[in-house]
Amino acid sequence: MQFGIQIARPLGINEKETKSSDYIYKVYLNGNFVVEFVEEFTALSNTLFAGGMRRLAVDLAELKYIDSTGIGVLINLAKLLRSKNGDMIFMNVNSKIMEVFSLVKLQEFIPCFKSEKQMLEHLSSIHT
């Protein structure tokens, strides 16, 4: 499992007004998100959250497999972000992963977007 992180400013907010909770964090997951990598991902997400992250896009374009433990970690992270008036979305979900999400109706709890523009519009509308 590999992670990548990108930070973007929400639409309509200029650089001088930006605080850490304003930024949109994009995390890329690559490989298999299984029980062996949960601790690593949880440490990353807890560190970002403690640093002010409230808006998160999880890019799943390169995710090959996710188990129930990985799904549980993502659900808990979405709940944590929402408890602090933030939100989390998925983007670029490939068809194999979407089949798994459909079985557990995960996309009804965590929205899925196909484009960067849709993701930015949704997460920019969240006021933390």
C-alpha atoms as a PDB file:
ATOM      1  CA  MET A   1       0.000   0.000   0.000  1.00  0.00           C
ATOM      2  CA  GLN A   2       1.298   3.414  -0.935  1.00  0.00           C
ATOM      3  CA  PHE A   3      -0.055   6.839  -0.021  1.00  0.00           C
ATOM      4  CA  GLY A   4       0.289  10.217  -1.652  1.00  0.00           C
ATOM      5  CA  ILE A   5      -0.967  13.558  -0.353  1.00  0.00           C
ATOM      6  CA  GLN A   6      -1.856  16.760  -2.164  1.00  0.00           C
ATOM      7  CA  ILE A   7      -3.237  19.952  -0.606  1.00  0.00           C
ATOM      8  CA  ALA A   8      -5.479  22.432  -2.455  1.00  0.00           C
ATOM      9  CA  ARG A   9      -7.143  25.685  -1.520  1.00  0.00           C
ATOM     10  CA  PRO A  10     -10.944  25.624  -1.727  1.00  0.00           C
ATOM     11  CA  LEU A  11     -12.706  27.630  -4.403  1.00  0.00           C
ATOM     12  CA  GLY A  12     -13.278  31.267  -3.516  1.00  0.00           C
ATOM     13  CA  ILE A  13     -10.673  31.510  -0.730  1.00  0.00           C
ATOM     14  CA  ASN A  14      -7.487  33.456  -1.349  1.00  0.00           C
ATOM     15  CA  GLU A  15      -4.068  32.654   0.064  1.00  0.00           C
ATOM     16  CA  LYS A  16      -4.080  35.346   2.753  1.00  0.00           C
ATOM     17  CA  GLU A  17      -7.405  34.133   4.209  1.00  0.00           C
ATOM     18  CA  THR A  18      -6.478  30.448   4.269  1.00  0.00           C
ATOM     19  CA  LYS A  19      -6.112  28.565   7.553  1.00  0.00           C
ATOM     20  CA  SER A  20      -5.299  24.856   7.922  1.00  0.00           C
ATOM     21  CA  SER A  21      -8.933  23.799   8.274  1.00  0.00           C
ATOM     22  CA  ASP A  22      -9.758  25.535   4.955  1.00  0.00           C
ATOM     23  CA  TYR A  23      -7.497  23.380   2.813  1.00  0.00           C
ATOM     24  CA  ILE A  24      -8.752  20.381   0.882  1.00  0.00           C
ATOM     25  CA  TYR A  25      -6.509  17.367   1.412  1.00  0.00           C
ATOM     26  CA  LYS A  26      -6.363  14.744  -1.304  1.00  0.00           C
ATOM     27  CA  VAL A  27      -4.980  11.351  -0.333  1.00  0.00           C
ATOM     28  CA  TYR A  28      -4.132   8.843  -3.059  1.00  0.00           C
ATOM     29  CA  LEU A  29      -4.397   5.158  -2.177  1.00  0.00           C
ATOM     30  CA  ASN A  30      -2.434   2.725  -4.328  1.00  0.00           C
ATOM     31  CA  GLY A  31      -2.461  -1.070  -4.062  1.00  0.00           C
ATOM     32  CA  ASN A  32      -4.405  -3.068  -1.490  1.00  0.00           C
ATOM     33  CA  PHE A  33      -6.051  -1.411   1.514  1.00  0.00           C
ATOM     34  CA  VAL A  34      -6.144  -4.356   3.885  1.00  0.00           C
ATOM     35  CA  VAL A  35      -5.761  -4.991   7.600  1.00  0.00           C
ATOM     36  CA  GLU A  36      -1.940  -4.933   7.380  1.00  0.00           C
ATOM     37  CA  PHE A  37      -1.973  -1.248   6.331  1.00  0.00           C
ATOM     38  CA  VAL A  38      -4.738   0.080   8.579  1.00  0.00           C
ATOM     39  CA  GLU A  39      -2.383   1.191  11.353  1.00  0.00           C
ATOM     40  CA  GLU A  40      -0.208   3.080   8.874  1.00  0.00           C
ATOM     41  CA  PHE A  41      -3.186   4.846   7.252  1.00  0.00           C
ATOM     42  CA  THR A  42      -4.763   5.613  10.639  1.00  0.00           C
ATOM     43  CA  ALA A  43      -1.519   7.248  11.806  1.00  0.00           C
ATOM     44  CA  LEU A  44      -1.443   9.363   8.639  1.00  0.00           C
ATOM     45  CA  SER A  45      -5.092  10.427   8.874  1.00  0.00           C
ATOM     46  CA  ASN A  46      -4.857  11.155  12.633  1.00  0.00           C
ATOM     47  CA  THR A  47      -1.807  13.344  12.035  1.00  0.00           C
ATOM     48  CA  LEU A  48      -3.569  15.264   9.262  1.00  0.00           C
ATOM     49  CA  PHE A  49      -6.697  15.631  11.404  1.00  0.00           C
ATOM     50  CA  ALA A  50      -4.689  16.873  14.397  1.00  0.00           C
ATOM     51  CA  GLY A  51      -3.055  19.397  12.054  1.00  0.00           C
ATOM     52  CA  GLY A  52      -6.434  20.829  11.082  1.00  0.00           C
ATOM     53  CA  MET A  53      -7.644  18.697   8.163  1.00  0.00           C
ATOM     54  CA  ARG A  54     -11.431  18.899   7.850  1.00  0.00           C
ATOM     55  CA  ARG A  55     -11.975  18.307   4.108  1.00  0.00           C
ATOM     56  CA  LEU A  56     -10.678  15.116   2.551  1.00  0.00           C
ATOM     57  CA  ALA A  57     -10.848  13.634  -0.931  1.00  0.00           C
ATOM     58  CA  VAL A  58      -9.665  10.033  -1.168  1.00  0.00           C
ATOM     59  CA  ASP A  59      -8.543   9.230  -4.707  1.00  0.00           C
ATOM     60  CA  LEU A  60      -9.061   5.542  -5.395  1.00  0.00           C
ATOM     61  CA  ALA A  61      -8.020   5.371  -9.062  1.00  0.00           C
ATOM     62  CA  GLU A  62      -5.083   3.071  -8.262  1.00  0.00           C
ATOM     63  CA  LEU A  63      -6.697   1.061  -5.463  1.00  0.00           C
ATOM     64  CA  LYS A  64      -6.776  -2.625  -6.409  1.00  0.00           C
ATOM     65  CA  TYR A  65      -8.501  -4.182  -3.392  1.00  0.00           C
ATOM     66  CA  ILE A  66     -10.092  -3.134  -0.107  1.00  0.00           C
ATOM     67  CA  ASP A  67     -11.166  -5.416   2.732  1.00  0.00           C
ATOM     68  CA  SER A  68     -13.770  -4.844   5.439  1.00  0.00           C
ATOM     69  CA  THR A  69     -11.167  -3.426   7.820  1.00  0.00           C
ATOM     70  CA  GLY A  70     -10.154  -0.811   5.239  1.00  0.00           C
ATOM     71  CA  ILE A  71     -13.803   0.101   4.663  1.00  0.00           C
ATOM     72  CA  GLY A  72     -14.315   0.439   8.426  1.00  0.00           C
ATOM     73  CA  VAL A  73     -11.339   2.795   8.744  1.00  0.00           C
ATOM     74  CA  LEU A  74     -12.701   5.016   5.970  1.00  0.00           C
ATOM     75  CA  ILE A  75     -16.173   5.096   7.562  1.00  0.00           C
ATOM     76  CA  ASN A  76     -14.688   6.052  10.945  1.00  0.00           C
ATOM     77  CA  LEU A  77     -12.606   8.794   9.350  1.00  0.00           C
ATOM     78  CA  ALA A  78     -15.669  10.230   7.595  1.00  0.00           C
ATOM     79  CA  LYS A  79     -17.557  10.214  10.913  1.00  0.00           C
ATOM     80  CA  LEU A  80     -14.647  11.956  12.653  1.00  0.00           C
ATOM     81  CA  LEU A  81     -14.445  14.669   9.991  1.00  0.00           C
ATOM     82  CA  ARG A  82     -18.213  15.229  10.065  1.00  0.00           C
ATOM     83  CA  SER A  83     -18.165  15.519  13.862  1.00  0.00           C
ATOM     84  CA  LYS A  84     -15.954  18.613  13.346  1.00  0.00           C
ATOM     85  CA  ASN A  85     -18.130  20.046  10.529  1.00  0.00           C
ATOM     86  CA  GLY A  86     -15.887  18.621   7.820  1.00  0.00           C
ATOM     87  CA  ASP A  87     -16.490  15.987   5.153  1.00  0.00           C
ATOM     88  CA  MET A  88     -14.846  13.249   3.146  1.00  0.00           C
ATOM     89  CA  ILE A  89     -15.506  12.094  -0.410  1.00  0.00           C
ATOM     90  CA  PHE A  90     -14.183   9.437  -2.765  1.00  0.00           C
ATOM     91  CA  MET A  91     -13.066  10.220  -6.264  1.00  0.00           C
ATOM     92  CA  ASN A  92     -11.957   8.194  -9.283  1.00  0.00           C
ATOM     93  CA  VAL A  93     -13.403   4.966  -7.896  1.00  0.00           C
ATOM     94  CA  ASN A  94     -12.675   2.160 -10.350  1.00  0.00           C
ATOM     95  CA  SER A  95     -15.406  -0.326 -11.261  1.00  0.00           C
ATOM     96  CA  LYS A  96     -14.002  -3.195  -9.174  1.00  0.00           C
ATOM     97  CA  ILE A  97     -13.922  -1.099  -5.987  1.00  0.00           C
ATOM     98  CA  MET A  98     -17.323   0.429  -6.803  1.00  0.00           C
ATOM     99  CA  GLU A  99     -18.795  -3.089  -6.878  1.00  0.00           C
ATOM    100  CA  VAL A 100     -17.589  -3.619  -3.300  1.00  0.00           C
ATOM    101  CA  PHE A 101     -18.925  -0.198  -2.218  1.00  0.00           C
ATOM    102  CA  SER A 102     -22.283  -0.977  -3.843  1.00  0.00           C
ATOM    103  CA  LEU A 103     -22.612  -4.213  -1.892  1.00  0.00           C
ATOM    104  CA  VAL A 104     -22.360  -2.329   1.401  1.00  0.00           C
ATOM    105  CA  LYS A 105     -24.003   0.867   0.053  1.00  0.00           C
ATOM    106  CA  LEU A 106     -20.950   2.877   1.074  1.00  0.00           C
ATOM    107  CA  GLN A 107     -21.493   5.476  -1.657  1.00  0.00           C
ATOM    108  CA  GLU A 108     -24.723   6.449   0.146  1.00  0.00           C
ATOM    109  CA  PHE A 109     -22.654   7.449   3.198  1.00  0.00           C
ATOM    110  CA  ILE A 110     -19.530   8.788   1.489  1.00  0.00           C
ATOM    111  CA  PRO A 111     -20.204  10.502  -1.856  1.00  0.00           C
ATOM    112  CA  CYS A 112     -18.248   9.511  -4.949  1.00  0.00           C
ATOM    113  CA  PHE A 113     -17.150  12.004  -7.609  1.00  0.00           C
ATOM    114  CA  LYS A 114     -15.522  11.473 -10.986  1.00  0.00           C
ATOM    115  CA  SER A 115     -14.017  14.871 -11.599  1.00  0.00           C
ATOM    116  CA  GLU A 116     -11.698  17.229  -9.770  1.00  0.00           C
ATOM    117  CA  LYS A 117     -14.173  20.050 -10.406  1.00  0.00           C
ATOM    118  CA  GLN A 118     -17.067  18.182  -8.719  1.00  0.00           C
ATOM    119  CA  MET A 119     -14.852  17.325  -5.762  1.00  0.00           C
ATOM    120  CA  LEU A 120     -13.662  20.923  -5.343  1.00  0.00           C
ATOM    121  CA  GLU A 121     -17.205  22.305  -5.607  1.00  0.00           C
ATOM    122  CA  HIS A 122     -18.535  19.874  -2.993  1.00  0.00           C
ATOM    123  CA  LEU A 123     -15.713  20.240  -0.486  1.00  0.00           C
ATOM    124  CA  SER A 124     -15.483  24.030  -1.001  1.00  0.00           C
ATOM    125  CA  SER A 125     -19.112  24.290   0.092  1.00  0.00           C
ATOM    126  CA  ILE A 126     -18.254  22.790   3.508  1.00  0.00           C
ATOM    127  CA  HIS A 127     -17.784  25.534   6.115  1.00  0.00           C
ATOM    128  CA  THR A 128     -15.548  24.389   8.953  1.00  0.00           C
END
